[in-house]
PDB file of N, CA and C in Angstrom:
ATOM      1  N   MET A   1      46.116  80.557  18.988  1.00  0.00           N
ATOM      2  CA  MET A   1      44.263  80.642  18.826  1.00  0.00           C
ATOM      3  C   MET A   1      43.435  81.626  17.512  1.00  0.00           C
ATOM      4  N   LYS A   2      44.108  82.039  17.165  1.00  0.00           N
ATOM      5  CA  LYS A   2      43.616  83.431  15.562  1.00  0.00           C
ATOM      6  C   LYS A   2      44.328  81.603  14.846  1.00  0.00           C
ATOM      7  N   LYS A   3      44.939  81.329  14.162  1.00  0.00           N
ATOM      8  CA  LYS A   3      44.784  79.281  13.456  1.00  0.00           C
ATOM      9  C   LYS A   3      43.423  79.243  13.462  1.00  0.00           C
ATOM     10  N   LEU A   4      42.681  79.344  14.511  1.00  0.00           N
ATOM     11  CA  LEU A   4      42.044  77.828  15.542  1.00  0.00           C
ATOM     12  C   LEU A   4      40.753  78.852  15.653  1.00  0.00           C
ATOM     13  N   ASP A   5      40.450  79.713  15.382  1.00  0.00           N
ATOM     14  CA  ASP A   5      40.062  81.068  15.002  1.00  0.00           C
ATOM     15  C   ASP A   5      38.865  80.651  16.792  1.00  0.00           C
ATOM     16  N   ILE A   6      39.243  80.851  18.009  1.00  0.00           N
ATOM     17  CA  ILE A   6      38.994  80.715  18.997  1.00  0.00           C
ATOM     18  C   ILE A   6      38.716  81.903  19.135  1.00  0.00           C
ATOM     19  N   LYS A   7      37.573  82.576  19.922  1.00  0.00           N
ATOM     20  CA  LYS A   7      37.282  83.783  20.194  1.00  0.00           C
ATOM     21  C   LYS A   7      38.141  83.979  21.722  1.00  0.00           C
ATOM     22  N   LYS A   8      38.567  85.409  22.162  1.00  0.00           N
ATOM     23  CA  LYS A   8      39.384  85.550  23.281  1.00  0.00           C
ATOM     24  C   LYS A   8      38.984  84.438  25.103  1.00  0.00           C
ATOM     25  N   THR A   9      39.346  84.179  25.345  1.00  0.00           N
ATOM     26  CA  THR A   9      39.229  82.962  26.234  1.00  0.00           C
ATOM     27  C   THR A   9      39.764  83.402  26.977  1.00  0.00           C
ATOM     28  N   THR A  10      39.794  82.736  28.843  1.00  0.00           N
ATOM     29  CA  THR A  10      40.503  83.289  29.930  1.00  0.00           C
ATOM     30  C   THR A  10      41.353  81.445  29.865  1.00  0.00           C
ATOM     31  N   PHE A  11      42.392  81.546  31.052  1.00  0.00           N
ATOM     32  CA  PHE A  11      43.283  80.149  31.697  1.00  0.00           C
ATOM     33  C   PHE A  11      41.975  79.463  31.595  1.00  0.00           C
ATOM     34  N   HIS A  12      41.525  79.988  32.472  1.00  0.00           N
ATOM     35  CA  HIS A  12      39.997  78.841  33.258  1.00  0.00           C
ATOM     36  C   HIS A  12      39.756  78.686  32.700  1.00  0.00           C
ATOM     37  N   GLY A  13      39.135  78.791  31.429  1.00  0.00           N
ATOM     38  CA  GLY A  13      38.376  78.960  29.970  1.00  0.00           C
ATOM     39  C   GLY A  13      38.349  77.594  29.750  1.00  0.00           C
ATOM     40  N   LEU A  14      40.169  77.374  29.465  1.00  0.00           N
ATOM     41  CA  LEU A  14      41.010  76.383  28.730  1.00  0.00           C
ATOM     42  C   LEU A  14      41.409  75.406  29.458  1.00  0.00           C
ATOM     43  N   ARG A  15      40.890  75.622  31.149  1.00  0.00           N
ATOM     44  CA  ARG A  15      41.388  74.223  32.036  1.00  0.00           C
ATOM     45  C   ARG A  15      39.521  73.460  32.209  1.00  0.00           C
ATOM     46  N   ASP A  16      38.999  74.177  32.074  1.00  0.00           N
ATOM     47  CA  ASP A  16      37.446  74.476  32.328  1.00  0.00           C
ATOM     48  C   ASP A  16      37.331  72.933  30.835  1.00  0.00           C
ATOM     49  N   THR A  17      37.896  73.794  29.786  1.00  0.00           N
ATOM     50  CA  THR A  17      37.491  72.963  28.046  1.00  0.00           C
ATOM     51  C   THR A  17      38.233  71.665  28.235  1.00  0.00           C
ATOM     52  N   HIS A  18      39.452  72.023  29.164  1.00  0.00           N
ATOM     53  CA  HIS A  18      40.110  70.248  29.184  1.00  0.00           C
ATOM     54  C   HIS A  18      39.779  69.785  29.700  1.00  0.00           C
ATOM     55  N   ALA A  19      39.090  69.962  31.813  1.00  0.00           N
ATOM     56  CA  ALA A  19      38.028  68.836  31.757  1.00  0.00           C
ATOM     57  C   ALA A  19      37.553  67.734  31.144  1.00  0.00           C
ATOM     58  N   SER A  20      36.215  69.227  30.630  1.00  0.00           N
ATOM     59  CA  SER A  20      35.898  68.121  30.576  1.00  0.00           C
ATOM     60  C   SER A  20      35.630  68.146  28.901  1.00  0.00           C
ATOM     61  N   PHE A  21      37.054  68.042  28.344  1.00  0.00           N
ATOM     62  CA  PHE A  21      36.550  66.935  27.491  1.00  0.00           C
ATOM     63  C   PHE A  21      37.917  65.732  28.101  1.00  0.00           C
ATOM     64  N   LEU A  22      37.920  65.856  29.115  1.00  0.00           N
ATOM     65  CA  LEU A  22      38.763  64.400  29.305  1.00  0.00           C
ATOM     66  C   LEU A  22      37.510  63.881  30.445  1.00  0.00           C
ATOM     67  N   PHE A  23      36.434  64.068  30.922  1.00  0.00           N
ATOM     68  CA  PHE A  23      34.945  63.463  31.231  1.00  0.00           C
ATOM     69  C   PHE A  23      34.119  62.410  30.078  1.00  0.00           C
ATOM     70  N   ALA A  24      34.308  63.425  29.104  1.00  0.00           N
ATOM     71  CA  ALA A  24      33.737  63.434  27.854  1.00  0.00           C
ATOM     72  C   ALA A  24      34.638  61.502  27.243  1.00  0.00           C
ATOM     73  N   GLN A  25      35.296  61.886  27.939  1.00  0.00           N
ATOM     74  CA  GLN A  25      36.655  60.381  26.805  1.00  0.00           C
ATOM     75  C   GLN A  25      36.280  59.903  28.030  1.00  0.00           C
ATOM     76  N   ASP A  26      34.885  59.879  29.302  1.00  0.00           N
ATOM     77  CA  ASP A  26      35.402  58.655  30.910  1.00  0.00           C
ATOM     78  C   ASP A  26      36.929  58.552  30.801  1.00  0.00           C
ATOM     79  N   ILE A  27      36.634  59.922  31.358  1.00  0.00           N
ATOM     80  CA  ILE A  27      38.168  59.258  31.973  1.00  0.00           C
ATOM     81  C   ILE A  27      37.870  59.703  33.065  1.00  0.00           C
ATOM     82  N   ASP A  28      38.446  59.188  34.682  1.00  0.00           N
ATOM     83  CA  ASP A  28      38.151  58.486  36.178  1.00  0.00           C
ATOM     84  C   ASP A  28      38.107  59.884  36.947  1.00  0.00           C
ATOM     85  N   ILE A  29      37.060  60.082  37.097  1.00  0.00           N
ATOM     86  CA  ILE A  29      36.921  61.745  37.713  1.00  0.00           C
ATOM     87  C   ILE A  29      38.427  61.965  39.243  1.00  0.00           C
ATOM     88  N   THR A  30      39.103  60.781  39.535  1.00  0.00           N
ATOM     89  CA  THR A  30      39.333  60.588  40.570  1.00  0.00           C
ATOM     90  C   THR A  30      41.760  61.080  39.559  1.00  0.00           C
ATOM     91  N   TYR A  31      41.576  60.568  38.145  1.00  0.00           N
ATOM     92  CA  TYR A  31      42.938  61.391  37.677  1.00  0.00           C
ATOM     93  C   TYR A  31      42.310  62.786  37.335  1.00  0.00           C
ATOM     94  N   VAL A  32      41.065  63.414  36.938  1.00  0.00           N
ATOM     95  CA  VAL A  32      41.364  64.395  36.224  1.00  0.00           C
ATOM     96  C   VAL A  32      41.007  65.339  37.344  1.00  0.00           C
ATOM     97  N   SER A  33      40.442  64.792  38.941  1.00  0.00           N
ATOM     98  CA  SER A  33      41.002  65.888  39.531  1.00  0.00           C
ATOM     99  C   SER A  33      42.106  66.442  39.996  1.00  0.00           C
ATOM    100  N   LYS A  34      42.614  64.860  40.045  1.00  0.00           N
ATOM    101  CA  LYS A  34      44.780  65.396  40.675  1.00  0.00           C
ATOM    102  C   LYS A  34      44.948  66.221  39.672  1.00  0.00           C
ATOM    103  N   ARG A  35      45.068  66.094  37.807  1.00  0.00           N
ATOM    104  CA  ARG A  35      44.945  66.821  37.315  1.00  0.00           C
ATOM    105  C   ARG A  35      44.979  67.919  37.147  1.00  0.00           C
ATOM    106  N   LEU A  36      44.133  68.222  38.269  1.00  0.00           N
ATOM    107  CA  LEU A  36      43.315  69.962  38.138  1.00  0.00           C
ATOM    108  C   LEU A  36      43.746  70.592  39.659  1.00  0.00           C
ATOM    109  N   GLY A  37      44.729  69.354  40.826  1.00  0.00           N
ATOM    110  CA  GLY A  37      45.683  70.283  41.672  1.00  0.00           C
ATOM    111  C   GLY A  37      44.419  70.592  42.230  1.00  0.00           C
ATOM    112  N   HIS A  38      43.213  69.806  42.421  1.00  0.00           N
ATOM    113  CA  HIS A  38      41.839  69.866  43.836  1.00  0.00           C
ATOM    114  C   HIS A  38      42.909  69.162  44.585  1.00  0.00           C
ATOM    115  N   ILE A  39      42.435  69.934  45.437  1.00  0.00           N
ATOM    116  CA  ILE A  39      41.793  68.316  47.072  1.00  0.00           C
ATOM    117  C   ILE A  39      41.352  67.638  46.899  1.00  0.00           C
ATOM    118  N   ASN A  40      40.141  67.665  47.391  1.00  0.00           N
ATOM    119  CA  ASN A  40      39.607  65.923  47.257  1.00  0.00           C
ATOM    120  C   ASN A  40      38.924  66.176  45.822  1.00  0.00           C
ATOM    121  N   ILE A  41      38.566  64.875  45.571  1.00  0.00           N
ATOM    122  CA  ILE A  41      37.995  64.704  44.194  1.00  0.00           C
ATOM    123  C   ILE A  41      35.739  64.898  44.525  1.00  0.00           C
ATOM    124  N   GLN A  42      35.296  66.045  46.025  1.00  0.00           N
ATOM    125  CA  GLN A  42      34.304  66.669  46.162  1.00  0.00           C
ATOM    126  C   GLN A  42      34.430  68.463  45.180  1.00  0.00           C
ATOM    127  N   THR A  43      35.330  68.548  45.049  1.00  0.00           N
ATOM    128  CA  THR A  43      35.418  69.787  44.666  1.00  0.00           C
ATOM    129  C   THR A  43      35.316  69.258  43.812  1.00  0.00           C
ATOM    130  N   THR A  44      35.608  68.645  42.457  1.00  0.00           N
ATOM    131  CA  THR A  44      36.222  67.656  41.021  1.00  0.00           C
ATOM    132  C   THR A  44      34.599  67.935  40.578  1.00  0.00           C
ATOM    133  N   GLN A  45      33.723  67.410  41.624  1.00  0.00           N
ATOM    134  CA  GLN A  45      32.968  66.993  41.554  1.00  0.00           C
ATOM    135  C   GLN A  45      31.785  67.548  40.977  1.00  0.00           C
ATOM    136  N   ASN A  46      31.303  68.945  42.777  1.00  0.00           N
ATOM    137  CA  ASN A  46      30.714  69.923  42.260  1.00  0.00           C
ATOM    138  C   ASN A  46      30.779  70.618  41.459  1.00  0.00           C
ATOM    139  N   TYR A  47      31.980  70.622  40.399  1.00  0.00           N
ATOM    140  CA  TYR A  47      31.748  72.114  39.806  1.00  0.00           C
ATOM    141  C   TYR A  47      31.696  71.521  38.620  1.00  0.00           C
ATOM    142  N   TYR A  48      31.879  70.504  38.265  1.00  0.00           N
ATOM    143  CA  TYR A  48      31.937  69.883  36.508  1.00  0.00           C
ATOM    144  C   TYR A  48      30.365  68.624  36.910  1.00  0.00           C
ATOM    145  N   LEU A  49      29.724  68.344  38.189  1.00  0.00           N
ATOM    146  CA  LEU A  49      28.907  67.548  37.617  1.00  0.00           C
ATOM    147  C   LEU A  49      27.714  68.489  37.655  1.00  0.00           C
ATOM    148  N   GLU A  50      27.793  69.613  38.286  1.00  0.00           N
ATOM    149  CA  GLU A  50      27.336  70.212  37.779  1.00  0.00           C
ATOM    150  C   GLU A  50      26.996  71.038  36.113  1.00  0.00           C
ATOM    151  N   LEU A  51      28.136  71.752  35.794  1.00  0.00           N
ATOM    152  CA  LEU A  51      28.590  71.821  34.345  1.00  0.00           C
ATOM    153  C   LEU A  51      28.157  70.941  33.136  1.00  0.00           C
ATOM    154  N   MET A  52      28.459  69.909  33.617  1.00  0.00           N
ATOM    155  CA  MET A  52      27.714  68.631  32.633  1.00  0.00           C
ATOM    156  C   MET A  52      26.973  67.368  33.229  1.00  0.00           C
ATOM    157  N   PRO A  53      25.408  67.849  33.789  1.00  0.00           N
ATOM    158  CA  PRO A  53      24.019  67.109  33.407  1.00  0.00           C
ATOM    159  C   PRO A  53      23.884  66.630  33.332  1.00  0.00           C
ATOM    160  N   GLU A  54      24.432  65.974  31.328  1.00  0.00           N
ATOM    161  CA  GLU A  54      24.216  64.969  30.723  1.00  0.00           C
ATOM    162  C   GLU A  54      24.984  63.866  31.122  1.00  0.00           C
ATOM    163  N   LYS A  55      25.910  64.474  32.245  1.00  0.00           N
ATOM    164  CA  LYS A  55      26.947  63.130  32.061  1.00  0.00           C
ATOM    165  C   LYS A  55      26.858  62.308  33.309  1.00  0.00           C
ATOM    166  N   LYS A  56      25.620  63.405  34.440  1.00  0.00           N
ATOM    167  CA  LYS A  56      25.094  63.024  35.520  1.00  0.00           C
ATOM    168  C   LYS A  56      24.133  62.372  34.692  1.00  0.00           C
ATOM    169  N   HIS A  57      23.417  63.026  34.343  1.00  0.00           N
ATOM    170  CA  HIS A  57      22.247  61.300  33.674  1.00  0.00           C
ATOM    171  C   HIS A  57      22.606  60.586  33.174  1.00  0.00           C
ATOM    172  N   GLN A  58      23.365  60.589  32.144  1.00  0.00           N
ATOM    173  CA  GLN A  58      24.337  58.893  31.627  1.00  0.00           C
ATOM    174  C   GLN A  58      24.814  58.174  32.471  1.00  0.00           C
ATOM    175  N   GLN A  59      25.244  58.947  33.905  1.00  0.00           N
ATOM    176  CA  GLN A  59      25.984  57.388  34.864  1.00  0.00           C
ATOM    177  C   GLN A  59      25.018  57.104  35.757  1.00  0.00           C
ATOM    178  N   ASP A  60      23.336  57.039  35.782  1.00  0.00           N
ATOM    179  CA  ASP A  60      21.944  56.926  35.981  1.00  0.00           C
ATOM    180  C   ASP A  60      21.949  56.240  35.527  1.00  0.00           C
ATOM    181  N   ALA A  61      21.882  56.227  34.185  1.00  0.00           N
ATOM    182  CA  ALA A  61      21.075  55.302  33.329  1.00  0.00           C
ATOM    183  C   ALA A  61      21.687  53.957  33.173  1.00  0.00           C
ATOM    184  N   ASP A  62      23.340  54.392  33.316  1.00  0.00           N
ATOM    185  CA  ASP A  62      24.268  53.306  33.359  1.00  0.00           C
ATOM    186  C   ASP A  62      23.807  51.592  33.913  1.00  0.00           C
ATOM    187  N   ALA A  63      23.057  52.505  35.232  1.00  0.00           N
ATOM    188  CA  ALA A  63      23.484  52.924  36.854  1.00  0.00           C
ATOM    189  C   ALA A  63      21.948  51.398  36.794  1.00  0.00           C
ATOM    190  N   LEU A  64      21.483  52.392  36.421  1.00  0.00           N
ATOM    191  CA  LEU A  64      20.259  51.451  35.847  1.00  0.00           C
ATOM    192  C   LEU A  64      19.931  50.573  35.232  1.00  0.00           C
ATOM    193  N   ASN A  65      20.795  49.892  34.456  1.00  0.00           N
ATOM    194  CA  ASN A  65      21.105  49.731  33.026  1.00  0.00           C
ATOM    195  C   ASN A  65      21.602  48.246  33.813  1.00  0.00           C
ATOM    196  N   LEU A  66      22.778  48.464  34.850  1.00  0.00           N
ATOM    197  CA  LEU A  66      23.401  46.958  35.556  1.00  0.00           C
ATOM    198  C   LEU A  66      22.662  46.506  36.505  1.00  0.00           C
ATOM    199  N   LEU A  67      21.362  47.275  37.354  1.00  0.00           N
ATOM    200  CA  LEU A  67      20.480  46.856  38.428  1.00  0.00           C
ATOM    201  C   LEU A  67      19.068  45.608  37.236  1.00  0.00           C
ATOM    202  N   ASN A  68      19.609  46.404  36.433  1.00  0.00           N
ATOM    203  CA  ASN A  68      18.088  45.668  35.359  1.00  0.00           C
ATOM    204  C   ASN A  68      18.504  44.431  34.690  1.00  0.00           C
ATOM    205  N   ALA A  69      20.038  44.645  34.815  1.00  0.00           N
ATOM    206  CA  ALA A  69      20.664  42.740  34.057  1.00  0.00           C
ATOM    207  C   ALA A  69      20.735  41.900  35.140  1.00  0.00           C
ATOM    208  N   LEU A  70      20.248  42.033  36.598  1.00  0.00           N
ATOM    209  CA  LEU A  70      20.643  41.497  37.869  1.00  0.00           C
ATOM    210  C   LEU A  70      19.539  40.897  37.440  1.00  0.00           C
TER     211      LEU A  70
END
């Protein structure tokens, strides 16, 4: 951590960063949820969609684009 000049963090901070990175790479939520050890996907959705509102906006735009393409 010192080599990378990462300031003091917690295990949960690293865990959140890892999950956020996976979502940013468009990794499926089912995979991420299982990787985090969540019992159900709802837990993952509730926590990470709040942390990543830009992801929700992108998904909304993608859904509209699909409908417009019909």
